[in-house]
Amino acid sequence: MNKRLTKVSKYLSFVLSHHPEAIGVTLDAEGWLDVEELVTAANEAGKSITLDQVKEIIATSDVKRFTLSDDGTRIKANEPEPRQAAAPPARRRTKSAAKPASAPKPDASQKPNVWSRAKPKR
């Protein structure tokens, strides 16, 4: 599919799947819309779309986002297939060098208080 058809496909997906009101159309209860109405409304909204482009997108798209009715007069967006959750990335194992035992941290009571030191004699 060329760049122009890809843009039109994304626009159709936007309208049919998410925001039909963006071009002033209403889907029926099952999500169908008259193809001619879709093309006319999109063109009135400033998008240059033809009926041939819509049919080509449906026929050639690898991802079947749209369904055309049996009589070819209505279109609807298909439900997206759920994505498989990707496995979390494997942790990189590094050579674990033996860490030297660190000296225990002194208690707060063992720390010298730098503000309470006696003033040096002059």
PDB file of N, CA and C in Angstrom:
ATOM      1  N   MET A   1       0.853  -1.171   0.000  1.00  0.00           N
ATOM      2  CA  MET A   1       0.000   0.000   0.000  1.00  0.00           C
ATOM      3  C   MET A   1       0.903   1.239   0.000  1.00  0.00           C
ATOM      4  N   ASN A   2       0.588   2.213  -0.869  1.00  0.00           N
ATOM      5  CA  ASN A   2       1.430   3.402  -0.952  1.00  0.00           C
ATOM      6  C   ASN A   2       1.143   4.367   0.202  1.00  0.00           C
ATOM      7  N   LYS A   3       1.944   5.407   0.308  1.00  0.00           N
ATOM      8  CA  LYS A   3       1.829   6.346   1.434  1.00  0.00           C
ATOM      9  C   LYS A   3       0.460   7.004   1.494  1.00  0.00           C
ATOM     10  N   ARG A   4      -0.062   7.364   0.314  1.00  0.00           N
ATOM     11  CA  ARG A   4      -1.365   8.031   0.285  1.00  0.00           C
ATOM     12  C   ARG A   4      -2.459   7.110   0.824  1.00  0.00           C
ATOM     13  N   LEU A   5      -2.455   5.864   0.394  1.00  0.00           N
ATOM     14  CA  LEU A   5      -3.464   4.925   0.875  1.00  0.00           C
ATOM     15  C   LEU A   5      -3.291   4.639   2.364  1.00  0.00           C
ATOM     16  N   THR A   6      -2.052   4.632   2.825  1.00  0.00           N
ATOM     17  CA  THR A   6      -1.805   4.436   4.254  1.00  0.00           C
ATOM     18  C   THR A   6      -2.403   5.584   5.058  1.00  0.00           C
ATOM     19  N   LYS A   7      -2.232   6.806   4.582  1.00  0.00           N
ATOM     20  CA  LYS A   7      -2.819   7.967   5.270  1.00  0.00           C
ATOM     21  C   LYS A   7      -4.337   7.884   5.275  1.00  0.00           C
ATOM     22  N   VAL A   8      -4.913   7.523   4.142  1.00  0.00           N
ATOM     23  CA  VAL A   8      -6.369   7.407   4.057  1.00  0.00           C
ATOM     24  C   VAL A   8      -6.857   6.304   4.996  1.00  0.00           C
ATOM     25  N   SER A   9      -6.139   5.184   5.054  1.00  0.00           N
ATOM     26  CA  SER A   9      -6.503   4.078   5.927  1.00  0.00           C
ATOM     27  C   SER A   9      -6.492   4.508   7.390  1.00  0.00           C
ATOM     28  N   LYS A  10      -5.477   5.233   7.797  1.00  0.00           N
ATOM     29  CA  LYS A  10      -5.395   5.717   9.180  1.00  0.00           C
ATOM     30  C   LYS A  10      -6.536   6.679   9.484  1.00  0.00           C
ATOM     31  N   TYR A  11      -6.867   7.512   8.505  1.00  0.00           N
ATOM     32  CA  TYR A  11      -7.967   8.455   8.685  1.00  0.00           C
ATOM     33  C   TYR A  11      -9.299   7.709   8.817  1.00  0.00           C
ATOM     34  N   LEU A  12      -9.506   6.703   7.975  1.00  0.00           N
ATOM     35  CA  LEU A  12     -10.726   5.913   8.069  1.00  0.00           C
ATOM     36  C   LEU A  12     -10.815   5.207   9.417  1.00  0.00           C
ATOM     37  N   SER A  13      -9.702   4.713   9.890  1.00  0.00           N
ATOM     38  CA  SER A  13      -9.666   4.062  11.196  1.00  0.00           C
ATOM     39  C   SER A  13     -10.035   5.057  12.296  1.00  0.00           C
ATOM     40  N   PHE A  14      -9.502   6.260  12.205  1.00  0.00           N
ATOM     41  CA  PHE A  14      -9.812   7.312  13.176  1.00  0.00           C
ATOM     42  C   PHE A  14     -11.308   7.585  13.195  1.00  0.00           C
ATOM     43  N   VAL A  15     -11.895   7.736  12.005  1.00  0.00           N
ATOM     44  CA  VAL A  15     -13.319   8.067  11.906  1.00  0.00           C
ATOM     45  C   VAL A  15     -14.196   6.885  12.321  1.00  0.00           C
ATOM     46  N   LEU A  16     -13.948   5.715  11.747  1.00  0.00           N
ATOM     47  CA  LEU A  16     -14.836   4.576  11.975  1.00  0.00           C
ATOM     48  C   LEU A  16     -14.646   3.917  13.342  1.00  0.00           C
ATOM     49  N   SER A  17     -13.453   3.967  13.887  1.00  0.00           N
ATOM     50  CA  SER A  17     -13.192   3.298  15.165  1.00  0.00           C
ATOM     51  C   SER A  17     -13.355   4.211  16.372  1.00  0.00           C
ATOM     52  N   HIS A  18     -13.112   5.502  16.171  1.00  0.00           N
ATOM     53  CA  HIS A  18     -13.026   6.371  17.345  1.00  0.00           C
ATOM     54  C   HIS A  18     -13.923   7.607  17.301  1.00  0.00           C
ATOM     55  N   HIS A  19     -13.901   8.351  16.193  1.00  0.00           N
ATOM     56  CA  HIS A  19     -14.573   9.652  16.172  1.00  0.00           C
ATOM     57  C   HIS A  19     -15.376   9.910  14.895  1.00  0.00           C
ATOM     58  N   PRO A  20     -16.492   9.226  14.706  1.00  0.00           N
ATOM     59  CA  PRO A  20     -17.303   9.509  13.522  1.00  0.00           C
ATOM     60  C   PRO A  20     -17.863  10.934  13.548  1.00  0.00           C
ATOM     61  N   GLU A  21     -18.031  11.475  14.729  1.00  0.00           N
ATOM     62  CA  GLU A  21     -18.547  12.842  14.850  1.00  0.00           C
ATOM     63  C   GLU A  21     -17.578  13.877  14.287  1.00  0.00           C
ATOM     64  N   ALA A  22     -16.319  13.503  14.098  1.00  0.00           N
ATOM     65  CA  ALA A  22     -15.328  14.432  13.550  1.00  0.00           C
ATOM     66  C   ALA A  22     -15.698  14.894  12.142  1.00  0.00           C
ATOM     67  N   ILE A  23     -16.435  14.054  11.412  1.00  0.00           N
ATOM     68  CA  ILE A  23     -16.864  14.450  10.067  1.00  0.00           C
ATOM     69  C   ILE A  23     -18.395  14.529   9.980  1.00  0.00           C
ATOM     70  N   GLY A  24     -19.060  14.479  11.144  1.00  0.00           N
ATOM     71  CA  GLY A  24     -20.499  14.660  11.181  1.00  0.00           C
ATOM     72  C   GLY A  24     -21.316  13.460  10.746  1.00  0.00           C
ATOM     73  N   VAL A  25     -20.816  12.255  10.958  1.00  0.00           N
ATOM     74  CA  VAL A  25     -21.576  11.056  10.612  1.00  0.00           C
ATOM     75  C   VAL A  25     -21.886  10.272  11.881  1.00  0.00           C
ATOM     76  N   THR A  26     -22.879   9.401  11.779  1.00  0.00           N
ATOM     77  CA  THR A  26     -23.260   8.548  12.894  1.00  0.00           C
ATOM     78  C   THR A  26     -23.299   7.110  12.405  1.00  0.00           C
ATOM     79  N   LEU A  27     -22.654   6.238  13.132  1.00  0.00           N
ATOM     80  CA  LEU A  27     -22.656   4.815  12.799  1.00  0.00           C
ATOM     81  C   LEU A  27     -23.943   4.189  13.318  1.00  0.00           C
ATOM     82  N   ASP A  28     -24.398   3.109  12.669  1.00  0.00           N
ATOM     83  CA  ASP A  28     -25.573   2.425  13.202  1.00  0.00           C
ATOM     84  C   ASP A  28     -25.164   1.612  14.435  1.00  0.00           C
ATOM     85  N   ALA A  29     -26.115   0.902  15.020  1.00  0.00           N
ATOM     86  CA  ALA A  29     -25.862   0.178  16.270  1.00  0.00           C
ATOM     87  C   ALA A  29     -24.756  -0.864  16.147  1.00  0.00           C
ATOM     88  N   GLU A  30     -24.543  -1.380  14.945  1.00  0.00           N
ATOM     89  CA  GLU A  30     -23.505  -2.397  14.745  1.00  0.00           C
ATOM     90  C   GLU A  30     -22.207  -1.812  14.214  1.00  0.00           C
ATOM     91  N   GLY A  31     -22.135  -0.496  14.071  1.00  0.00           N
ATOM     92  CA  GLY A  31     -20.907   0.158  13.632  1.00  0.00           C
ATOM     93  C   GLY A  31     -20.790   0.371  12.136  1.00  0.00           C
ATOM     94  N   TRP A  32     -21.849   0.121  11.375  1.00  0.00           N
ATOM     95  CA  TRP A  32     -21.820   0.275   9.926  1.00  0.00           C
ATOM     96  C   TRP A  32     -22.123   1.712   9.519  1.00  0.00           C
ATOM     97  N   LEU A  33     -21.577   2.103   8.361  1.00  0.00           N
ATOM     98  CA  LEU A  33     -21.814   3.415   7.779  1.00  0.00           C
ATOM     99  C   LEU A  33     -21.857   3.261   6.264  1.00  0.00           C
ATOM    100  N   ASP A  34     -22.744   3.997   5.616  1.00  0.00           N
ATOM    101  CA  ASP A  34     -22.823   3.982   4.167  1.00  0.00           C
ATOM    102  C   ASP A  34     -21.510   4.519   3.591  1.00  0.00           C
ATOM    103  N   VAL A  35     -20.917   3.786   2.656  1.00  0.00           N
ATOM    104  CA  VAL A  35     -19.615   4.164   2.093  1.00  0.00           C
ATOM    105  C   VAL A  35     -19.699   5.519   1.385  1.00  0.00           C
ATOM    106  N   GLU A  36     -20.766   5.734   0.616  1.00  0.00           N
ATOM    107  CA  GLU A  36     -20.934   7.011  -0.093  1.00  0.00           C
ATOM    108  C   GLU A  36     -21.025   8.168   0.899  1.00  0.00           C
ATOM    109  N   GLU A  37     -21.736   7.943   2.004  1.00  0.00           N
ATOM    110  CA  GLU A  37     -21.868   8.972   3.044  1.00  0.00           C
ATOM    111  C   GLU A  37     -20.502   9.259   3.675  1.00  0.00           C
ATOM    112  N   LEU A  38     -19.733   8.221   3.907  1.00  0.00           N
ATOM    113  CA  LEU A  38     -18.388   8.377   4.465  1.00  0.00           C
ATOM    114  C   LEU A  38     -17.509   9.217   3.551  1.00  0.00           C
ATOM    115  N   VAL A  39     -17.483   8.866   2.270  1.00  0.00           N
ATOM    116  CA  VAL A  39     -16.639   9.584   1.304  1.00  0.00           C
ATOM    117  C   VAL A  39     -17.087  11.036   1.181  1.00  0.00           C
ATOM    118  N   THR A  40     -18.401  11.269   1.081  1.00  0.00           N
ATOM    119  CA  THR A  40     -18.927  12.634   0.949  1.00  0.00           C
ATOM    120  C   THR A  40     -18.605  13.462   2.187  1.00  0.00           C
ATOM    121  N   ALA A  41     -18.839  12.908   3.381  1.00  0.00           N
ATOM    122  CA  ALA A  41     -18.577  13.634   4.619  1.00  0.00           C
ATOM    123  C   ALA A  41     -17.084  13.926   4.795  1.00  0.00           C
ATOM    124  N   ALA A  42     -16.232  12.972   4.427  1.00  0.00           N
ATOM    125  CA  ALA A  42     -14.782  13.185   4.540  1.00  0.00           C
ATOM    126  C   ALA A  42     -14.332  14.292   3.599  1.00  0.00           C
ATOM    127  N   ASN A  43     -14.856  14.298   2.383  1.00  0.00           N
ATOM    128  CA  ASN A  43     -14.499  15.347   1.427  1.00  0.00           C
ATOM    129  C   ASN A  43     -14.998  16.715   1.894  1.00  0.00           C
ATOM    130  N   GLU A  44     -16.193  16.764   2.472  1.00  0.00           N
ATOM    131  CA  GLU A  44     -16.711  18.024   2.999  1.00  0.00           C
ATOM    132  C   GLU A  44     -15.890  18.506   4.191  1.00  0.00           C
ATOM    133  N   ALA A  45     -15.274  17.574   4.906  1.00  0.00           N
ATOM    134  CA  ALA A  45     -14.418  17.921   6.047  1.00  0.00           C
ATOM    135  C   ALA A  45     -13.001  18.284   5.613  1.00  0.00           C
ATOM    136  N   GLY A  46     -12.743  18.281   4.278  1.00  0.00           N
ATOM    137  CA  GLY A  46     -11.438  18.701   3.785  1.00  0.00           C
ATOM    138  C   GLY A  46     -10.479  17.570   3.443  1.00  0.00           C
ATOM    139  N   LYS A  47     -10.932  16.345   3.534  1.00  0.00           N
ATOM    140  CA  LYS A  47     -10.083  15.199   3.177  1.00  0.00           C
ATOM    141  C   LYS A  47     -10.456  14.731   1.779  1.00  0.00           C
ATOM    142  N   SER A  48      -9.464  14.533   0.946  1.00  0.00           N
ATOM    143  CA  SER A  48      -9.706  14.089  -0.421  1.00  0.00           C
ATOM    144  C   SER A  48      -9.650  12.565  -0.471  1.00  0.00           C
ATOM    145  N   ILE A  49     -10.842  11.942  -0.433  1.00  0.00           N
ATOM    146  CA  ILE A  49     -10.950  10.491  -0.426  1.00  0.00           C
ATOM    147  C   ILE A  49     -11.921  10.083  -1.524  1.00  0.00           C
ATOM    148  N   THR A  50     -11.590   9.004  -2.226  1.00  0.00           N
ATOM    149  CA  THR A  50     -12.492   8.502  -3.267  1.00  0.00           C
ATOM    150  C   THR A  50     -13.005   7.121  -2.880  1.00  0.00           C
ATOM    151  N   LEU A  51     -14.089   6.729  -3.501  1.00  0.00           N
ATOM    152  CA  LEU A  51     -14.652   5.408  -3.278  1.00  0.00           C
ATOM    153  C   LEU A  51     -13.673   4.320  -3.727  1.00  0.00           C
ATOM    154  N   ASP A  52     -12.963   4.586  -4.815  1.00  0.00           N
ATOM    155  CA  ASP A  52     -11.968   3.614  -5.296  1.00  0.00           C
ATOM    156  C   ASP A  52     -10.845   3.407  -4.286  1.00  0.00           C
ATOM    157  N   GLN A  53     -10.411   4.494  -3.630  1.00  0.00           N
ATOM    158  CA  GLN A  53      -9.362   4.370  -2.614  1.00  0.00           C
ATOM    159  C   GLN A  53      -9.849   3.506  -1.455  1.00  0.00           C
ATOM    160  N   VAL A  54     -11.074   3.744  -1.013  1.00  0.00           N
ATOM    161  CA  VAL A  54     -11.623   2.962   0.096  1.00  0.00           C
ATOM    162  C   VAL A  54     -11.660   1.483  -0.276  1.00  0.00           C
ATOM    163  N   LYS A  55     -12.140   1.175  -1.457  1.00  0.00           N
ATOM    164  CA  LYS A  55     -12.215  -0.226  -1.885  1.00  0.00           C
ATOM    165  C   LYS A  55     -10.834  -0.851  -2.040  1.00  0.00           C
ATOM    166  N   GLU A  56      -9.860  -0.063  -2.523  1.00  0.00           N
ATOM    167  CA  GLU A  56      -8.494  -0.578  -2.666  1.00  0.00           C
ATOM    168  C   GLU A  56      -7.870  -0.865  -1.302  1.00  0.00           C
ATOM    169  N   ILE A  57      -8.123   0.019  -0.339  1.00  0.00           N
ATOM    170  CA  ILE A  57      -7.599  -0.189   1.021  1.00  0.00           C
ATOM    171  C   ILE A  57      -8.151  -1.488   1.590  1.00  0.00           C
ATOM    172  N   ILE A  58      -9.436  -1.710   1.434  1.00  0.00           N
ATOM    173  CA  ILE A  58     -10.054  -2.922   1.964  1.00  0.00           C
ATOM    174  C   ILE A  58      -9.489  -4.163   1.270  1.00  0.00           C
ATOM    175  N   ALA A  59      -9.273  -4.078  -0.027  1.00  0.00           N
ATOM    176  CA  ALA A  59      -8.813  -5.235  -0.800  1.00  0.00           C
ATOM    177  C   ALA A  59      -7.336  -5.560  -0.584  1.00  0.00           C
ATOM    178  N   THR A  60      -6.498  -4.549  -0.386  1.00  0.00           N
ATOM    179  CA  THR A  60      -5.057  -4.792  -0.377  1.00  0.00           C
ATOM    180  C   THR A  60      -4.401  -4.721   0.990  1.00  0.00           C
ATOM    181  N   SER A  61      -5.111  -4.312   2.003  1.00  0.00           N
ATOM    182  CA  SER A  61      -4.507  -4.131   3.323  1.00  0.00           C
ATOM    183  C   SER A  61      -4.114  -5.471   3.932  1.00  0.00           C
ATOM    184  N   ASP A  62      -2.898  -5.531   4.477  1.00  0.00           N
ATOM    185  CA  ASP A  62      -2.440  -6.729   5.182  1.00  0.00           C
ATOM    186  C   ASP A  62      -3.218  -6.911   6.481  1.00  0.00           C
ATOM    187  N   VAL A  63      -3.438  -5.798   7.155  1.00  0.00           N
ATOM    188  CA  VAL A  63      -4.194  -5.809   8.395  1.00  0.00           C
ATOM    189  C   VAL A  63      -5.635  -5.483   8.031  1.00  0.00           C
ATOM    190  N   LYS A  64      -6.526  -6.412   8.235  1.00  0.00           N
ATOM    191  CA  LYS A  64      -7.925  -6.228   7.833  1.00  0.00           C
ATOM    192  C   LYS A  64      -8.644  -5.353   8.863  1.00  0.00           C
ATOM    193  N   ARG A  65      -8.498  -4.026   8.721  1.00  0.00           N
ATOM    194  CA  ARG A  65      -9.106  -3.084   9.659  1.00  0.00           C
ATOM    195  C   ARG A  65     -10.574  -2.814   9.360  1.00  0.00           C
ATOM    196  N   PHE A  66     -10.985  -3.038   8.112  1.00  0.00           N
ATOM    197  CA  PHE A  66     -12.339  -2.681   7.697  1.00  0.00           C
ATOM    198  C   PHE A  66     -13.021  -3.848   6.999  1.00  0.00           C
ATOM    199  N   THR A  67     -14.353  -3.837   7.102  1.00  0.00           N
ATOM    200  CA  THR A  67     -15.172  -4.820   6.410  1.00  0.00           C
ATOM    201  C   THR A  67     -16.162  -4.064   5.543  1.00  0.00           C
ATOM    202  N   LEU A  68     -16.304  -4.540   4.325  1.00  0.00           N
ATOM    203  CA  LEU A  68     -17.289  -3.989   3.400  1.00  0.00           C
ATOM    204  C   LEU A  68     -18.468  -4.962   3.390  1.00  0.00           C
ATOM    205  N   SER A  69     -19.684  -4.430   3.439  1.00  0.00           N
ATOM    206  CA  SER A  69     -20.864  -5.290   3.448  1.00  0.00           C
ATOM    207  C   SER A  69     -20.922  -6.113   2.162  1.00  0.00           C
ATOM    208  N   ASP A  70     -21.713  -7.158   2.190  1.00  0.00           N
ATOM    209  CA  ASP A  70     -21.828  -8.055   1.031  1.00  0.00           C
ATOM    210  C   ASP A  70     -22.260  -7.315  -0.230  1.00  0.00           C
ATOM    211  N   ASP A  71     -23.141  -6.326  -0.073  1.00  0.00           N
ATOM    212  CA  ASP A  71     -23.592  -5.576  -1.247  1.00  0.00           C
ATOM    213  C   ASP A  71     -22.658  -4.420  -1.601  1.00  0.00           C
ATOM    214  N   GLY A  72     -21.614  -4.200  -0.781  1.00  0.00           N
ATOM    215  CA  GLY A  72     -20.607  -3.184  -1.071  1.00  0.00           C
ATOM    216  C   GLY A  72     -21.023  -1.759  -0.786  1.00  0.00           C
ATOM    217  N   THR A  73     -22.118  -1.578  -0.047  1.00  0.00           N
ATOM    218  CA  THR A  73     -22.600  -0.214   0.199  1.00  0.00           C
ATOM    219  C   THR A  73     -22.260   0.312   1.581  1.00  0.00           C
ATOM    220  N   ARG A  74     -21.885  -0.581   2.499  1.00  0.00           N
ATOM    221  CA  ARG A  74     -21.592  -0.143   3.865  1.00  0.00           C
ATOM    222  C   ARG A  74     -20.208  -0.624   4.295  1.00  0.00           C
ATOM    223  N   ILE A  75     -19.628   0.116   5.238  1.00  0.00           N
ATOM    224  CA  ILE A  75     -18.292  -0.198   5.751  1.00  0.00           C
ATOM    225  C   ILE A  75     -18.328  -0.102   7.262  1.00  0.00           C
ATOM    226  N   LYS A  76     -17.480  -0.893   7.900  1.00  0.00           N
ATOM    227  CA  LYS A  76     -17.313  -0.774   9.347  1.00  0.00           C
ATOM    228  C   LYS A  76     -15.886  -1.153   9.717  1.00  0.00           C
ATOM    229  N   ALA A  77     -15.455  -0.666  10.863  1.00  0.00           N
ATOM    230  CA  ALA A  77     -14.124  -0.995  11.373  1.00  0.00           C
ATOM    231  C   ALA A  77     -14.201  -2.340  12.081  1.00  0.00           C
ATOM    232  N   ASN A  78     -13.197  -3.169  11.862  1.00  0.00           N
ATOM    233  CA  ASN A  78     -13.128  -4.460  12.554  1.00  0.00           C
ATOM    234  C   ASN A  78     -12.593  -4.251  13.951  1.00  0.00           C
ATOM    235  N   GLU A  79     -12.938  -5.168  14.817  1.00  0.00           N
ATOM    236  CA  GLU A  79     -12.401  -5.141  16.174  1.00  0.00           C
ATOM    237  C   GLU A  79     -10.920  -5.483  16.090  1.00  0.00           C
ATOM    238  N   PRO A  80     -10.073  -4.725  16.783  1.00  0.00           N
ATOM    239  CA  PRO A  80      -8.649  -5.082  16.747  1.00  0.00           C
ATOM    240  C   PRO A  80      -8.417  -6.387  17.504  1.00  0.00           C
ATOM    241  N   GLU A  81      -7.501  -7.180  16.984  1.00  0.00           N
ATOM    242  CA  GLU A  81      -7.167  -8.420  17.668  1.00  0.00           C
ATOM    243  C   GLU A  81      -6.334  -8.094  18.889  1.00  0.00           C
ATOM    244  N   PRO A  82      -6.602  -8.773  20.005  1.00  0.00           N
ATOM    245  CA  PRO A  82      -5.808  -8.505  21.199  1.00  0.00           C
ATOM    246  C   PRO A  82      -4.350  -8.858  20.955  1.00  0.00           C
ATOM    247  N   ARG A  83      -3.504  -8.031  21.437  1.00  0.00           N
ATOM    248  CA  ARG A  83      -2.064  -8.274  21.270  1.00  0.00           C
ATOM    249  C   ARG A  83      -1.582  -9.232  22.334  1.00  0.00           C
ATOM    250  N   GLN A  84      -0.656 -10.076  21.941  1.00  0.00           N
ATOM    251  CA  GLN A  84      -0.040 -10.979  22.904  1.00  0.00           C
ATOM    252  C   GLN A  84       0.913 -10.161  23.772  1.00  0.00           C
ATOM    253  N   ALA A  85       0.870 -10.410  25.044  1.00  0.00           N
ATOM    254  CA  ALA A  85       1.779  -9.707  25.936  1.00  0.00           C
ATOM    255  C   ALA A  85       3.195 -10.184  25.641  1.00  0.00           C
ATOM    256  N   ALA A  86       4.070  -9.243  25.453  1.00  0.00           N
ATOM    257  CA  ALA A  86       5.465  -9.587  25.175  1.00  0.00           C
ATOM    258  C   ALA A  86       6.122 -10.088  26.447  1.00  0.00           C
ATOM    259  N   ALA A  87       6.985 -11.037  26.286  1.00  0.00           N
ATOM    260  CA  ALA A  87       7.728 -11.549  27.429  1.00  0.00           C
ATOM    261  C   ALA A  87       8.666 -10.458  27.924  1.00  0.00           C
ATOM    262  N   PRO A  88       8.833 -10.360  29.228  1.00  0.00           N
ATOM    263  CA  PRO A  88       9.743  -9.343  29.735  1.00  0.00           C
ATOM    264  C   PRO A  88      11.156  -9.609  29.241  1.00  0.00           C
ATOM    265  N   PRO A  89      11.913  -8.552  29.012  1.00  0.00           N
ATOM    266  CA  PRO A  89      13.280  -8.766  28.525  1.00  0.00           C
ATOM    267  C   PRO A  89      14.107  -9.540  29.544  1.00  0.00           C
ATOM    268  N   ALA A  90      14.952 -10.400  29.038  1.00  0.00           N
ATOM    269  CA  ALA A  90      15.807 -11.192  29.923  1.00  0.00           C
ATOM    270  C   ALA A  90      16.829 -10.279  30.578  1.00  0.00           C
ATOM    271  N   ARG A  91      17.076 -10.551  31.819  1.00  0.00           N
ATOM    272  CA  ARG A  91      18.081  -9.748  32.523  1.00  0.00           C
ATOM    273  C   ARG A  91      19.459 -10.124  32.038  1.00  0.00           C
ATOM    274  N   ARG A  92      20.248  -9.117  31.866  1.00  0.00           N
ATOM    275  CA  ARG A  92      21.625  -9.370  31.462  1.00  0.00           C
ATOM    276  C   ARG A  92      22.414  -9.867  32.649  1.00  0.00           C
ATOM    277  N   ARG A  93      23.070 -10.957  32.459  1.00  0.00           N
ATOM    278  CA  ARG A  93      23.890 -11.470  33.555  1.00  0.00           C
ATOM    279  C   ARG A  93      25.303 -10.943  33.392  1.00  0.00           C
ATOM    280  N   THR A  94      25.808 -10.436  34.451  1.00  0.00           N
ATOM    281  CA  THR A  94      27.182  -9.943  34.441  1.00  0.00           C
ATOM    282  C   THR A  94      28.000 -10.827  35.357  1.00  0.00           C
ATOM    283  N   LYS A  95      29.264 -10.778  35.138  1.00  0.00           N
ATOM    284  CA  LYS A  95      30.145 -11.532  36.028  1.00  0.00           C
ATOM    285  C   LYS A  95      30.049 -10.884  37.395  1.00  0.00           C
ATOM    286  N   SER A  96      29.677 -11.675  38.338  1.00  0.00           N
ATOM    287  CA  SER A  96      29.535 -11.112  39.675  1.00  0.00           C
ATOM    288  C   SER A  96      30.857 -11.278  40.407  1.00  0.00           C
ATOM    289  N   ALA A  97      31.554 -10.193  40.505  1.00  0.00           N
ATOM    290  CA  ALA A  97      32.806 -10.212  41.251  1.00  0.00           C
ATOM    291  C   ALA A  97      32.457 -10.236  42.727  1.00  0.00           C
ATOM    292  N   ALA A  98      33.261 -10.891  43.472  1.00  0.00           N
ATOM    293  CA  ALA A  98      33.008 -10.935  44.903  1.00  0.00           C
ATOM    294  C   ALA A  98      33.115  -9.520  45.446  1.00  0.00           C
ATOM    295  N   LYS A  99      32.038  -9.078  46.019  1.00  0.00           N
ATOM    296  CA  LYS A  99      32.036  -7.721  46.565  1.00  0.00           C
ATOM    297  C   LYS A  99      32.745  -7.731  47.904  1.00  0.00           C
ATOM    298  N   PRO A 100      33.627  -6.766  48.092  1.00  0.00           N
ATOM    299  CA  PRO A 100      34.289  -6.725  49.398  1.00  0.00           C
ATOM    300  C   PRO A 100      33.266  -6.349  50.463  1.00  0.00           C
ATOM    301  N   ALA A 101      33.436  -6.962  51.586  1.00  0.00           N
ATOM    302  CA  ALA A 101      32.526  -6.649  52.685  1.00  0.00           C
ATOM    303  C   ALA A 101      32.756  -5.206  53.091  1.00  0.00           C
ATOM    304  N   SER A 102      31.702  -4.449  53.119  1.00  0.00           N
ATOM    305  CA  SER A 102      31.861  -3.044  53.489  1.00  0.00           C
ATOM    306  C   SER A 102      31.782  -2.921  54.997  1.00  0.00           C
ATOM    307  N   ALA A 103      32.457  -1.937  55.478  1.00  0.00           N
ATOM    308  CA  ALA A 103      32.466  -1.693  56.915  1.00  0.00           C
ATOM    309  C   ALA A 103      31.080  -1.228  57.334  1.00  0.00           C
ATOM    310  N   PRO A 104      30.649  -1.637  58.497  1.00  0.00           N
ATOM    311  CA  PRO A 104      29.326  -1.202  58.937  1.00  0.00           C
ATOM    312  C   PRO A 104      29.296   0.320  59.108  1.00  0.00           C
ATOM    313  N   LYS A 105      28.148   0.867  58.787  1.00  0.00           N
ATOM    314  CA  LYS A 105      28.003   2.317  58.904  1.00  0.00           C
ATOM    315  C   LYS A 105      27.878   2.682  60.374  1.00  0.00           C
ATOM    316  N   PRO A 106      28.530   3.765  60.761  1.00  0.00           N
ATOM    317  CA  PRO A 106      28.446   4.170  62.175  1.00  0.00           C
ATOM    318  C   PRO A 106      27.052   4.697  62.494  1.00  0.00           C
ATOM    319  N   ASP A 107      26.671   4.557  63.746  1.00  0.00           N
ATOM    320  CA  ASP A 107      25.399   5.114  64.205  1.00  0.00           C
ATOM    321  C   ASP A 107      25.482   6.626  64.153  1.00  0.00           C
ATOM    322  N   ALA A 108      24.339   7.246  64.161  1.00  0.00           N
ATOM    323  CA  ALA A 108      24.300   8.709  64.177  1.00  0.00           C
ATOM    324  C   ALA A 108      24.938   9.231  65.459  1.00  0.00           C
ATOM    325  N   SER A 109      24.838   8.437  66.536  1.00  0.00           N
ATOM    326  CA  SER A 109      25.416   8.883  67.813  1.00  0.00           C
ATOM    327  C   SER A 109      26.938   8.842  67.768  1.00  0.00           C
ATOM    328  N   GLN A 110      27.531   8.042  66.858  1.00  0.00           N
ATOM    329  CA  GLN A 110      28.981   7.939  66.775  1.00  0.00           C
ATOM    330  C   GLN A 110      29.582   8.978  65.841  1.00  0.00           C
ATOM    331  N   LYS A 111      28.766   9.640  65.047  1.00  0.00           N
ATOM    332  CA  LYS A 111      29.299  10.634  64.126  1.00  0.00           C
ATOM    333  C   LYS A 111      29.670  11.890  64.900  1.00  0.00           C
ATOM    334  N   PRO A 112      30.797  12.455  64.550  1.00  0.00           N
ATOM    335  CA  PRO A 112      31.159  13.698  65.232  1.00  0.00           C
ATOM    336  C   PRO A 112      30.234  14.817  64.777  1.00  0.00           C
ATOM    337  N   ASN A 113      29.826  15.624  65.686  1.00  0.00           N
ATOM    338  CA  ASN A 113      28.974  16.748  65.357  1.00  0.00           C
ATOM    339  C   ASN A 113      29.873  17.929  65.046  1.00  0.00           C
ATOM    340  N   VAL A 114      29.927  18.330  63.817  1.00  0.00           N
ATOM    341  CA  VAL A 114      30.850  19.381  63.417  1.00  0.00           C
ATOM    342  C   VAL A 114      30.430  20.737  63.949  1.00  0.00           C
ATOM    343  N   TRP A 115      29.208  20.900  64.361  1.00  0.00           N
ATOM    344  CA  TRP A 115      28.730  22.203  64.843  1.00  0.00           C
ATOM    345  C   TRP A 115      28.999  22.378  66.326  1.00  0.00           C
ATOM    346  N   SER A 116      29.280  21.300  67.008  1.00  0.00           N
ATOM    347  CA  SER A 116      29.479  21.438  68.462  1.00  0.00           C
ATOM    348  C   SER A 116      30.938  21.331  68.861  1.00  0.00           C
ATOM    349  N   ARG A 117      31.831  21.398  67.880  1.00  0.00           N
ATOM    350  CA  ARG A 117      33.258  21.305  68.212  1.00  0.00           C
ATOM    351  C   ARG A 117      33.707  22.545  69.006  1.00  0.00           C
ATOM    352  N   ALA A 118      34.651  22.281  69.834  1.00  0.00           N
ATOM    353  CA  ALA A 118      35.199  23.379  70.607  1.00  0.00           C
ATOM    354  C   ALA A 118      35.996  24.292  69.665  1.00  0.00           C
ATOM    355  N   LYS A 119      35.943  25.564  69.930  1.00  0.00           N
ATOM    356  CA  LYS A 119      36.665  26.500  69.070  1.00  0.00           C
ATOM    357  C   LYS A 119      38.165  26.305  69.310  1.00  0.00           C
ATOM    358  N   PRO A 120      38.921  26.359  68.245  1.00  0.00           N
ATOM    359  CA  PRO A 120      40.367  26.206  68.428  1.00  0.00           C
ATOM    360  C   PRO A 120      40.959  27.369  69.221  1.00  0.00           C
ATOM    361  N   LYS A 121      41.972  27.057  70.025  1.00  0.00           N
ATOM    362  CA  LYS A 121      42.605  28.084  70.836  1.00  0.00           C
ATOM    363  C   LYS A 121      43.520  28.898  69.963  1.00  0.00           C
ATOM    364  N   ARG A 122      43.602  30.201  70.252  1.00  0.00           N
ATOM    365  CA  ARG A 122      44.475  31.073  69.496  1.00  0.00           C
ATOM    366  C   ARG A 122      45.669  31.444  70.263  1.00  0.00           C
TER     367      ARG A 122
END
